[in-house]
C-alpha atoms as a PDB file:
ATOM      1  CA  UNK A   1      81.959 148.687 150.741  1.00  0.00           C
ATOM      2  CA  UNK A   2      84.781 147.201 149.293  1.00  0.00           C
ATOM      3  CA  UNK A   3      85.691 143.465 149.984  1.00  0.00           C
ATOM      4  CA  UNK A   4      88.782 142.477 149.275  1.00  0.00           C
ATOM      5  CA  UNK A   5      88.646 139.233 150.328  1.00  0.00           C
ATOM      6  CA  UNK A   6      85.809 138.258 147.851  1.00  0.00           C
ATOM      7  CA  UNK A   7      88.100 139.741 144.990  1.00  0.00           C
ATOM      8  CA  UNK A   8      90.764 138.043 145.999  1.00  0.00           C
ATOM      9  CA  UNK A   9      88.913 134.578 145.888  1.00  0.00           C
ATOM     10  CA  UNK A  10      87.106 135.020 142.920  1.00  0.00           C
ATOM     11  CA  UNK A  11      90.440 135.673 141.069  1.00  0.00           C
ATOM     12  CA  UNK A  12      92.000 133.112 143.158  1.00  0.00           C
ATOM     13  CA  UNK A  13      89.116 130.982 141.147  1.00  0.00           C
ATOM     14  CA  UNK A  14      90.024 132.444 137.896  1.00  0.00           C
ATOM     15  CA  UNK A  15      93.622 131.738 138.102  1.00  0.00           C
ATOM     16  CA  UNK A  16      92.575 128.122 139.119  1.00  0.00           C
ATOM     17  CA  UNK A  17      91.301 127.602 135.624  1.00  0.00           C
ATOM     18  CA  UNK A  18      93.536 129.181 134.099  1.00  0.00           C
ATOM     19  CA  UNK A  19      96.302 126.738 135.894  1.00  0.00           C
ATOM     20  CA  UNK A  20      94.376 123.697 135.080  1.00  0.00           C
ATOM     21  CA  UNK A  21      94.357 125.131 131.293  1.00  0.00           C
ATOM     22  CA  UNK A  22      98.052 125.684 131.341  1.00  0.00           C
ATOM     23  CA  UNK A  23      98.546 122.145 132.293  1.00  0.00           C
ATOM     24  CA  UNK A  24      96.332 120.918 130.201  1.00  0.00           C
ATOM     25  CA  UNK A  25      98.316 122.416 127.406  1.00  0.00           C
ATOM     26  CA  UNK A  26     101.418 121.815 128.491  1.00  0.00           C
ATOM     27  CA  UNK A  27     100.263 117.981 128.492  1.00  0.00           C
ATOM     28  CA  UNK A  28      98.705 118.635 124.988  1.00  0.00           C
ATOM     29  CA  UNK A  29     101.823 120.222 123.720  1.00  0.00           C
ATOM     30  CA  UNK A  30     104.116 117.664 125.321  1.00  0.00           C
ATOM     31  CA  UNK A  31     101.932 114.595 123.940  1.00  0.00           C
ATOM     32  CA  UNK A  32     101.964 116.102 119.834  1.00  0.00           C
ATOM     33  CA  UNK A  33     105.533 116.780 120.582  1.00  0.00           C
ATOM     34  CA  UNK A  34     106.236 113.207 121.180  1.00  0.00           C
ATOM     35  CA  UNK A  35     104.033 112.097 118.156  1.00  0.00           C
ATOM     36  CA  UNK A  36     105.559 114.184 115.786  1.00  0.00           C
ATOM     37  CA  UNK A  37     108.875 112.891 116.838  1.00  0.00           C
ATOM     38  CA  UNK A  38     107.486 109.639 116.430  1.00  0.00           C
ATOM     39  CA  UNK A  39     106.547 110.222 113.110  1.00  0.00           C
ATOM     40  CA  UNK A  40     109.564 112.171 112.182  1.00  0.00           C
ATOM     41  CA  UNK A  41     111.638 109.360 113.336  1.00  0.00           C
ATOM     42  CA  UNK A  42     109.862 106.968 111.016  1.00  0.00           C
ATOM     43  CA  UNK A  43     110.080 108.835 108.250  1.00  0.00           C
ATOM     44  CA  UNK A  44     113.882 109.629 108.917  1.00  0.00           C
ATOM     45  CA  UNK A  45     114.214 105.595 109.185  1.00  0.00           C
ATOM     46  CA  UNK A  46     112.365 105.450 106.216  1.00  0.00           C
ATOM     47  CA  UNK A  47     115.345 103.881 103.783  1.00  0.00           C
ATOM     48  CA  UNK A  48     116.269 101.327 106.581  1.00  0.00           C
ATOM     49  CA  UNK A  49     112.321  99.673 106.148  1.00  0.00           C
ATOM     50  CA  UNK A  50     112.681 100.478 102.222  1.00  0.00           C
ATOM     51  CA  UNK A  51     115.721  98.367 102.388  1.00  0.00           C
ATOM     52  CA  UNK A  52     113.997  95.661 104.826  1.00  0.00           C
ATOM     53  CA  UNK A  53     111.409  95.074 102.070  1.00  0.00           C
ATOM     54  CA  UNK A  54     114.232  94.785  99.241  1.00  0.00           C
ATOM     55  CA  UNK A  55     115.694  92.132 101.493  1.00  0.00           C
ATOM     56  CA  UNK A  56     112.427  89.997 101.815  1.00  0.00           C
ATOM     57  CA  UNK A  57     112.040  90.820  97.966  1.00  0.00           C
ATOM     58  CA  UNK A  58     116.045  89.390  97.107  1.00  0.00           C
ATOM     59  CA  UNK A  59     115.360  86.756  99.662  1.00  0.00           C
ATOM     60  CA  UNK A  60     112.283  85.439  97.469  1.00  0.00           C
ATOM     61  CA  UNK A  61     114.305  85.749  94.575  1.00  0.00           C
ATOM     62  CA  UNK A  62     116.680  83.743  95.323  1.00  0.00           C
ATOM     63  CA  UNK A  63     114.778  81.098  96.978  1.00  0.00           C
ATOM     64  CA  UNK A  64     113.053  80.940  93.467  1.00  0.00           C
ATOM     65  CA  UNK A  65     116.741  81.001  91.744  1.00  0.00           C
ATOM     66  CA  UNK A  66     117.339  78.153  94.086  1.00  0.00           C
ATOM     67  CA  UNK A  67     114.733  76.050  92.866  1.00  0.00           C
ATOM     68  CA  UNK A  68     114.667  76.279  89.463  1.00  0.00           C
ATOM     69  CA  UNK A  69     118.605  74.955  90.084  1.00  0.00           C
ATOM     70  CA  UNK A  70     117.208  72.320  91.530  1.00  0.00           C
ATOM     71  CA  UNK A  71     114.972  71.520  89.065  1.00  0.00           C
ATOM     72  CA  UNK A  72     117.632  72.054  85.966  1.00  0.00           C
ATOM     73  CA  UNK A  73     119.467  69.171  87.878  1.00  0.00           C
ATOM     74  CA  UNK A  74     115.745  67.039  88.365  1.00  0.00           C
ATOM     75  CA  UNK A  75     115.349  67.725  84.822  1.00  0.00           C
ATOM     76  CA  UNK A  76     118.918  66.565  83.905  1.00  0.00           C
ATOM     77  CA  UNK A  77     118.764  63.210  85.918  1.00  0.00           C
ATOM     78  CA  UNK A  78     115.668  62.469  84.108  1.00  0.00           C
ATOM     79  CA  UNK A  79     117.158  62.853  80.874  1.00  0.00           C
ATOM     80  CA  UNK A  80     120.418  60.525  82.388  1.00  0.00           C
ATOM     81  CA  UNK A  81     117.666  58.046  83.680  1.00  0.00           C
ATOM     82  CA  UNK A  82     115.913  58.017  80.316  1.00  0.00           C
ATOM     83  CA  UNK A  83     119.374  57.536  78.347  1.00  0.00           C
ATOM     84  CA  UNK A  84     119.781  54.965  80.705  1.00  0.00           C
ATOM     85  CA  UNK A  85     116.407  53.087  80.101  1.00  0.00           C
ATOM     86  CA  UNK A  86     117.001  53.168  76.121  1.00  0.00           C
ATOM     87  CA  UNK A  87     120.317  51.705  76.186  1.00  0.00           C
ATOM     88  CA  UNK A  88     119.311  48.916  78.779  1.00  0.00           C
ATOM     89  CA  UNK A  89     116.564  48.477  76.295  1.00  0.00           C
ATOM     90  CA  UNK A  90     119.245  47.650  73.224  1.00  0.00           C
ATOM     91  CA  UNK A  91     121.106  45.435  75.694  1.00  0.00           C
ATOM     92  CA  UNK A  92     117.800  43.667  76.502  1.00  0.00           C
ATOM     93  CA  UNK A  93     116.933  43.393  72.773  1.00  0.00           C
ATOM     94  CA  UNK A  94     120.809  42.087  72.118  1.00  0.00           C
ATOM     95  CA  UNK A  95     120.771  39.545  74.330  1.00  0.00           C
ATOM     96  CA  UNK A  96     117.557  38.191  73.621  1.00  0.00           C
ATOM     97  CA  UNK A  97     118.671  37.944  69.601  1.00  0.00           C
ATOM     98  CA  UNK A  98     121.933  36.427  70.883  1.00  0.00           C
ATOM     99  CA  UNK A  99     120.114  34.082  73.197  1.00  0.00           C
ATOM    100  CA  UNK A 100     117.642  33.504  69.722  1.00  0.00           C
ATOM    101  CA  UNK A 101     121.310  32.403  68.036  1.00  0.00           C
ATOM    102  CA  UNK A 102     122.362  30.114  70.975  1.00  0.00           C
ATOM    103  CA  UNK A 103     118.947  28.504  70.703  1.00  0.00           C
ATOM    104  CA  UNK A 104     119.212  27.947  66.989  1.00  0.00           C
ATOM    105  CA  UNK A 105     122.806  26.507  67.260  1.00  0.00           C
ATOM    106  CA  UNK A 106     122.143  24.313  70.034  1.00  0.00           C
ATOM    107  CA  UNK A 107     118.839  22.646  68.442  1.00  0.00           C
ATOM    108  CA  UNK A 108     121.506  22.432  65.447  1.00  0.00           C
ATOM    109  CA  UNK A 109     123.506  19.950  67.074  1.00  0.00           C
ATOM    110  CA  UNK A 110     121.290  18.506  69.318  1.00  0.00           C
ATOM    111  CA  UNK A 111     120.962  15.350  67.697  1.00  0.00           C
ATOM    112  CA  UNK A 112     124.832  14.672  67.706  1.00  0.00           C
ATOM    113  CA  UNK A 113     125.224  12.338  70.466  1.00  0.00           C
ATOM    114  CA  UNK A 114     129.113  13.750  70.858  1.00  0.00           C
ATOM    115  CA  UNK A 115     127.966  17.184  71.368  1.00  0.00           C
ATOM    116  CA  UNK A 116     126.803  17.007  75.047  1.00  0.00           C
ATOM    117  CA  UNK A 117     129.370  19.062  76.185  1.00  0.00           C
ATOM    118  CA  UNK A 118     128.464  21.469  73.646  1.00  0.00           C
ATOM    119  CA  UNK A 119     124.824  21.756  74.475  1.00  0.00           C
ATOM    120  CA  UNK A 120     125.691  21.981  78.096  1.00  0.00           C
ATOM    121  CA  UNK A 121     127.558  25.131  77.363  1.00  0.00           C
ATOM    122  CA  UNK A 122     125.299  26.568  75.254  1.00  0.00           C
ATOM    123  CA  UNK A 123     122.649  25.970  78.105  1.00  0.00           C
ATOM    124  CA  UNK A 124     124.560  27.582  80.435  1.00  0.00           C
ATOM    125  CA  UNK A 125     125.373  30.805  78.264  1.00  0.00           C
ATOM    126  CA  UNK A 126     121.288  30.898  77.145  1.00  0.00           C
ATOM    127  CA  UNK A 127     120.880  30.123  80.897  1.00  0.00           C
ATOM    128  CA  UNK A 128     123.035  33.223  81.793  1.00  0.00           C
ATOM    129  CA  UNK A 129     121.498  35.717  78.901  1.00  0.00           C
ATOM    130  CA  UNK A 130     118.053  34.846  80.270  1.00  0.00           C
ATOM    131  CA  UNK A 131     119.103  35.591  83.903  1.00  0.00           C
ATOM    132  CA  UNK A 132     121.534  39.026  83.042  1.00  0.00           C
ATOM    133  CA  UNK A 133     117.743  40.005  80.550  1.00  0.00           C
ATOM    134  CA  UNK A 134     115.666  39.425  83.714  1.00  0.00           C
ATOM    135  CA  UNK A 135     118.487  42.008  85.671  1.00  0.00           C
ATOM    136  CA  UNK A 136     118.513  44.253  83.011  1.00  0.00           C
ATOM    137  CA  UNK A 137     114.330  44.121  82.867  1.00  0.00           C
ATOM    138  CA  UNK A 138     114.254  44.655  86.569  1.00  0.00           C
ATOM    139  CA  UNK A 139     116.926  47.100  86.651  1.00  0.00           C
ATOM    140  CA  UNK A 140     114.913  49.176  83.770  1.00  0.00           C
ATOM    141  CA  UNK A 141     111.831  48.837  85.459  1.00  0.00           C
ATOM    142  CA  UNK A 142     113.323  50.370  88.783  1.00  0.00           C
ATOM    143  CA  UNK A 143     114.525  53.096  86.659  1.00  0.00           C
ATOM    144  CA  UNK A 144     110.739  53.617  84.960  1.00  0.00           C
ATOM    145  CA  UNK A 145     109.383  53.863  88.705  1.00  0.00           C
ATOM    146  CA  UNK A 146     112.054  56.295  89.423  1.00  0.00           C
ATOM    147  CA  UNK A 147     111.178  58.352  86.410  1.00  0.00           C
ATOM    148  CA  UNK A 148     107.668  58.253  87.439  1.00  0.00           C
ATOM    149  CA  UNK A 149     108.209  59.660  90.662  1.00  0.00           C
ATOM    150  CA  UNK A 150     110.925  62.348  89.493  1.00  0.00           C
ATOM    151  CA  UNK A 151     108.404  63.251  86.739  1.00  0.00           C
ATOM    152  CA  UNK A 152     105.707  63.968  89.141  1.00  0.00           C
ATOM    153  CA  UNK A 153     108.067  65.870  91.190  1.00  0.00           C
ATOM    154  CA  UNK A 154     109.179  67.977  88.387  1.00  0.00           C
ATOM    155  CA  UNK A 155     105.765  68.955  87.571  1.00  0.00           C
ATOM    156  CA  UNK A 156     104.888  69.732  91.323  1.00  0.00           C
ATOM    157  CA  UNK A 157     108.224  71.810  91.404  1.00  0.00           C
ATOM    158  CA  UNK A 158     107.341  73.830  88.352  1.00  0.00           C
ATOM    159  CA  UNK A 159     104.025  74.568  89.370  1.00  0.00           C
ATOM    160  CA  UNK A 160     105.786  75.709  93.052  1.00  0.00           C
ATOM    161  CA  UNK A 161     107.737  77.651  91.165  1.00  0.00           C
ATOM    162  CA  UNK A 162     105.331  79.344  88.834  1.00  0.00           C
ATOM    163  CA  UNK A 163     102.786  80.036  92.230  1.00  0.00           C
ATOM    164  CA  UNK A 164     105.979  81.127  93.824  1.00  0.00           C
ATOM    165  CA  UNK A 165     106.834  83.870  91.092  1.00  0.00           C
ATOM    166  CA  UNK A 166     103.261  84.744  91.063  1.00  0.00           C
ATOM    167  CA  UNK A 167     103.439  85.469  94.646  1.00  0.00           C
ATOM    168  CA  UNK A 168     106.688  87.767  94.184  1.00  0.00           C
ATOM    169  CA  UNK A 169     105.309  90.031  91.526  1.00  0.00           C
ATOM    170  CA  UNK A 170     102.296  90.611  93.915  1.00  0.00           C
ATOM    171  CA  UNK A 171     105.049  91.090  96.989  1.00  0.00           C
ATOM    172  CA  UNK A 172     106.751  93.527  94.532  1.00  0.00           C
ATOM    173  CA  UNK A 173     103.398  95.596  93.953  1.00  0.00           C
ATOM    174  CA  UNK A 174     101.826  95.378  97.154  1.00  0.00           C
ATOM    175  CA  UNK A 175     105.504  96.272  98.856  1.00  0.00           C
ATOM    176  CA  UNK A 176     105.750  99.612  96.735  1.00  0.00           C
ATOM    177  CA  UNK A 177     101.899 100.419  96.654  1.00  0.00           C
ATOM    178  CA  UNK A 178     102.118  99.956 100.826  1.00  0.00           C
ATOM    179  CA  UNK A 179     104.893 101.812 101.315  1.00  0.00           C
ATOM    180  CA  UNK A 180     103.972 104.452  99.168  1.00  0.00           C
ATOM    181  CA  UNK A 181     100.396 104.783 101.231  1.00  0.00           C
ATOM    182  CA  UNK A 182     101.889 104.251 104.491  1.00  0.00           C
ATOM    183  CA  UNK A 183     104.629 107.345 103.847  1.00  0.00           C
ATOM    184  CA  UNK A 184     101.769 109.357 102.388  1.00  0.00           C
ATOM    185  CA  UNK A 185      99.623 108.510 105.547  1.00  0.00           C
ATOM    186  CA  UNK A 186     102.705 109.192 107.999  1.00  0.00           C
ATOM    187  CA  UNK A 187     103.481 113.055 106.070  1.00  0.00           C
ATOM    188  CA  UNK A 188      99.641 113.766 106.198  1.00  0.00           C
ATOM    189  CA  UNK A 189      99.611 112.431 110.319  1.00  0.00           C
ATOM    190  CA  UNK A 190     102.504 114.647 110.512  1.00  0.00           C
ATOM    191  CA  UNK A 191     101.417 117.774 108.909  1.00  0.00           C
ATOM    192  CA  UNK A 192      98.225 117.725 110.942  1.00  0.00           C
ATOM    193  CA  UNK A 193     100.085 117.270 113.912  1.00  0.00           C
ATOM    194  CA  UNK A 194     102.289 120.531 113.194  1.00  0.00           C
ATOM    195  CA  UNK A 195      99.009 121.804 112.438  1.00  0.00           C
ATOM    196  CA  UNK A 196      97.161 121.430 115.438  1.00  0.00           C
ATOM    197  CA  UNK A 197     100.678 122.255 117.646  1.00  0.00           C
ATOM    198  CA  UNK A 198     100.867 125.591 116.004  1.00  0.00           C
ATOM    199  CA  UNK A 199      97.068 125.752 117.141  1.00  0.00           C
ATOM    200  CA  UNK A 200      97.979 125.724 121.027  1.00  0.00           C
ATOM    201  CA  UNK A 201      97.316 129.166 122.690  1.00  0.00           C
ATOM    202  CA  UNK A 202      99.935 129.151 125.709  1.00  0.00           C
ATOM    203  CA  UNK A 203      98.356 130.402 128.885  1.00  0.00           C
ATOM    204  CA  UNK A 204     100.771 131.896 131.992  1.00  0.00           C
ATOM    205  CA  UNK A 205      99.551 134.137 135.087  1.00  0.00           C
ATOM    206  CA  UNK A 206     101.783 137.350 134.915  1.00  0.00           C
ATOM    207  CA  UNK A 207     100.786 138.017 138.550  1.00  0.00           C
ATOM    208  CA  UNK A 208      98.808 136.761 141.491  1.00  0.00           C
ATOM    209  CA  UNK A 209      95.876 138.275 142.471  1.00  0.00           C
ATOM    210  CA  UNK A 210      95.831 140.844 145.294  1.00  0.00           C
ATOM    211  CA  UNK A 211      94.167 143.814 147.207  1.00  0.00           C
ATOM    212  CA  UNK A 212      94.816 146.931 146.263  1.00  0.00           C
ATOM    213  CA  UNK A 213      96.151 149.558 149.483  1.00  0.00           C
ATOM    214  CA  UNK A 214      94.323 152.005 147.855  1.00  0.00           C
ATOM    215  CA  UNK A 215      91.085 150.919 146.104  1.00  0.00           C
ATOM    216  CA  UNK A 216      89.569 152.790 142.942  1.00  0.00           C
ATOM    217  CA  UNK A 217      85.977 152.461 143.656  1.00  0.00           C
ATOM    218  CA  UNK A 218      83.956 154.113 145.047  1.00  0.00           C
ATOM    219  CA  UNK A 219      85.856 157.522 145.664  1.00  0.00           C
ATOM    220  CA  UNK A 220      83.451 159.670 147.716  1.00  0.00           C
ATOM    221  CA  UNK A 221      85.538 163.268 146.694  1.00  0.00           C
ATOM    222  CA  UNK A 222      84.788 162.605 142.831  1.00  0.00           C
ATOM    223  CA  UNK A 223      81.718 161.656 143.578  1.00  0.00           C
ATOM    224  CA  UNK A 224      80.598 164.613 146.190  1.00  0.00           C
ATOM    225  CA  UNK A 225      82.445 167.051 143.363  1.00  0.00           C
ATOM    226  CA  UNK A 226      80.561 165.636 140.744  1.00  0.00           C
ATOM    227  CA  UNK A 227      77.174 166.196 142.631  1.00  0.00           C
ATOM    228  CA  UNK A 228      78.345 169.644 143.371  1.00  0.00           C
ATOM    229  CA  UNK A 229      79.268 170.558 139.812  1.00  0.00           C
ATOM    230  CA  UNK A 230      75.382 169.274 138.911  1.00  0.00           C
ATOM    231  CA  UNK A 231      73.488 170.743 141.655  1.00  0.00           C
ATOM    232  CA  UNK A 232      74.954 174.322 140.227  1.00  0.00           C
ATOM    233  CA  UNK A 233      74.152 173.427 136.938  1.00  0.00           C
ATOM    234  CA  UNK A 234      70.610 172.086 137.267  1.00  0.00           C
ATOM    235  CA  UNK A 235      70.362 175.119 139.708  1.00  0.00           C
ATOM    236  CA  UNK A 236      71.268 177.901 137.177  1.00  0.00           C
ATOM    237  CA  UNK A 237      69.419 176.080 134.401  1.00  0.00           C
ATOM    238  CA  UNK A 238      65.792 176.116 137.134  1.00  0.00           C
ATOM    239  CA  UNK A 239      66.571 179.935 137.412  1.00  0.00           C
ATOM    240  CA  UNK A 240      66.827 180.502 133.860  1.00  0.00           C
ATOM    241  CA  UNK A 241      63.543 178.627 133.665  1.00  0.00           C
ATOM    242  CA  UNK A 242      61.260 180.437 136.571  1.00  0.00           C
ATOM    243  CA  UNK A 243      62.734 183.724 135.292  1.00  0.00           C
ATOM    244  CA  UNK A 244      61.574 182.792 131.607  1.00  0.00           C
ATOM    245  CA  UNK A 245      58.111 181.812 133.189  1.00  0.00           C
ATOM    246  CA  UNK A 246      57.901 184.945 135.022  1.00  0.00           C
ATOM    247  CA  UNK A 247      58.861 187.256 132.337  1.00  0.00           C
ATOM    248  CA  UNK A 248      56.572 185.906 129.588  1.00  0.00           C
ATOM    249  CA  UNK A 249      53.752 185.061 131.725  1.00  0.00           C
ATOM    250  CA  UNK A 250      51.260 187.713 131.050  1.00  0.00           C
ATOM    251  CA  UNK A 251      51.898 187.443 127.208  1.00  0.00           C
ATOM    252  CA  UNK A 252      51.365 183.908 127.665  1.00  0.00           C
ATOM    253  CA  UNK A 253      48.152 184.036 129.437  1.00  0.00           C
ATOM    254  CA  UNK A 254      47.018 186.742 126.764  1.00  0.00           C
ATOM    255  CA  UNK A 255      47.721 184.322 124.637  1.00  0.00           C
ATOM    256  CA  UNK A 256      45.166 181.976 125.798  1.00  0.00           C
END
């Protein structure tokens, strides 16, 4: 007995499963399309990313150049102060030599009573020379202290520049290698996603399930016709067998 309702229910279950598969396919398709689009956009904007890294390298290079200029100015300042110290040393030496000469001249006239004014002038000049020499020595000491500080600063800046140069070289190598590896990885992911995208198999419903108004099975007329034909055929075969047995029965019994 045909059961159209059961058939419709079974087909409906199959269609539901296929519909869920279709929804999963659509979701997977959109997800892959989004990922592929993101990667293609990154690859399309690769020049921007590359330029950004180049700007970073140029910025570090300019900073090192500024440090070198500061170091050159510092070196020039150190050389200038060294020359000042040398000049001050010569001046102090000349003042001390001049003071000794004046002291000798003062000692030569020290026993002359009429030379009190001259002695006072010599003493005043000697004192002025000593005071001036002391001031020059103080200034020289200050400059020497500044030179020591600047020399230490110069060495520190030299070390800083060397470290930054090493970092810049590492940055160039690392960025170049990083960009290359990142691009290769993005291209690999893009190829993999595109391969997965092409392997997706879409499903669609061609026709909703429905019960046929003229069921194919069971076909009673065909069954009866087939039974009739088979009956006639079997009857004929049985008649031949019976006739054969009756005709040759005596001969078969005689052989026994």
